[in-house]
């Protein structure tokens, strides 16, 4: 069994309240296992 890599990031637009987050989980071969994005603002 290899390793996993989990990258996440988020962004917001000043004080407007708009914000979002997203991420991707990859295995040791670079295959995407899970991805997500979500509006949180």
C-alpha atoms as a PDB file:
ATOM      1  CA  UNK A   1       0.000   0.000   0.000  1.00  0.00           C
ATOM      2  CA  UNK A   2       1.250   3.488  -0.875  1.00  0.00           C
ATOM      3  CA  UNK A   3       0.625   6.918   0.505  1.00  0.00           C
ATOM      4  CA  UNK A   4      -2.259   9.354   0.108  1.00  0.00           C
ATOM      5  CA  UNK A   5      -2.068  13.081  -0.634  1.00  0.00           C
ATOM      6  CA  UNK A   6      -4.884  15.441   0.341  1.00  0.00           C
ATOM      7  CA  UNK A   7      -4.850  18.989  -1.073  1.00  0.00           C
ATOM      8  CA  UNK A   8      -7.390  21.571   0.083  1.00  0.00           C
ATOM      9  CA  UNK A   9      -7.839  25.280  -0.562  1.00  0.00           C
ATOM     10  CA  UNK A  10     -10.329  27.986   0.173  1.00  0.00           C
ATOM     11  CA  UNK A  11     -11.109  31.503  -0.971  1.00  0.00           C
ATOM     12  CA  UNK A  12     -13.265  34.434   0.031  1.00  0.00           C
ATOM     13  CA  UNK A  13     -14.301  37.647  -1.638  1.00  0.00           C
ATOM     14  CA  UNK A  14     -13.668  40.464   0.811  1.00  0.00           C
ATOM     15  CA  UNK A  15     -16.489  41.265   3.190  1.00  0.00           C
ATOM     16  CA  UNK A  16     -19.256  40.225   0.769  1.00  0.00           C
ATOM     17  CA  UNK A  17     -19.656  36.898   2.583  1.00  0.00           C
ATOM     18  CA  UNK A  18     -18.936  34.835  -0.522  1.00  0.00           C
ATOM     19  CA  UNK A  19     -16.525  31.963   0.209  1.00  0.00           C
ATOM     20  CA  UNK A  20     -15.728  28.475  -0.972  1.00  0.00           C
ATOM     21  CA  UNK A  21     -13.545  25.469  -0.239  1.00  0.00           C
ATOM     22  CA  UNK A  22     -12.415  22.516  -2.308  1.00  0.00           C
ATOM     23  CA  UNK A  23     -10.099  19.551  -2.169  1.00  0.00           C
ATOM     24  CA  UNK A  24      -8.792  16.440  -3.867  1.00  0.00           C
ATOM     25  CA  UNK A  25      -7.511  13.130  -2.451  1.00  0.00           C
ATOM     26  CA  UNK A  26      -5.013  11.182  -4.585  1.00  0.00           C
ATOM     27  CA  UNK A  27      -3.255   7.860  -4.152  1.00  0.00           C
ATOM     28  CA  UNK A  28       0.478   7.272  -4.627  1.00  0.00           C
ATOM     29  CA  UNK A  29      -0.043   6.845  -8.404  1.00  0.00           C
ATOM     30  CA  UNK A  30      -1.813  10.216  -8.717  1.00  0.00           C
ATOM     31  CA  UNK A  31      -5.260   8.689  -9.240  1.00  0.00           C
ATOM     32  CA  UNK A  32      -8.037  10.932  -7.927  1.00  0.00           C
ATOM     33  CA  UNK A  33      -9.996   9.058  -5.249  1.00  0.00           C
ATOM     34  CA  UNK A  34     -12.236  11.842  -3.924  1.00  0.00           C
ATOM     35  CA  UNK A  35     -12.826  15.462  -4.913  1.00  0.00           C
ATOM     36  CA  UNK A  36     -15.139  18.079  -3.483  1.00  0.00           C
ATOM     37  CA  UNK A  37     -16.086  21.731  -3.635  1.00  0.00           C
ATOM     38  CA  UNK A  38     -18.486  23.610  -1.433  1.00  0.00           C
ATOM     39  CA  UNK A  39     -19.904  27.114  -1.247  1.00  0.00           C
ATOM     40  CA  UNK A  40     -19.545  28.082   2.412  1.00  0.00           C
ATOM     41  CA  UNK A  41     -20.421  31.766   2.269  1.00  0.00           C
END
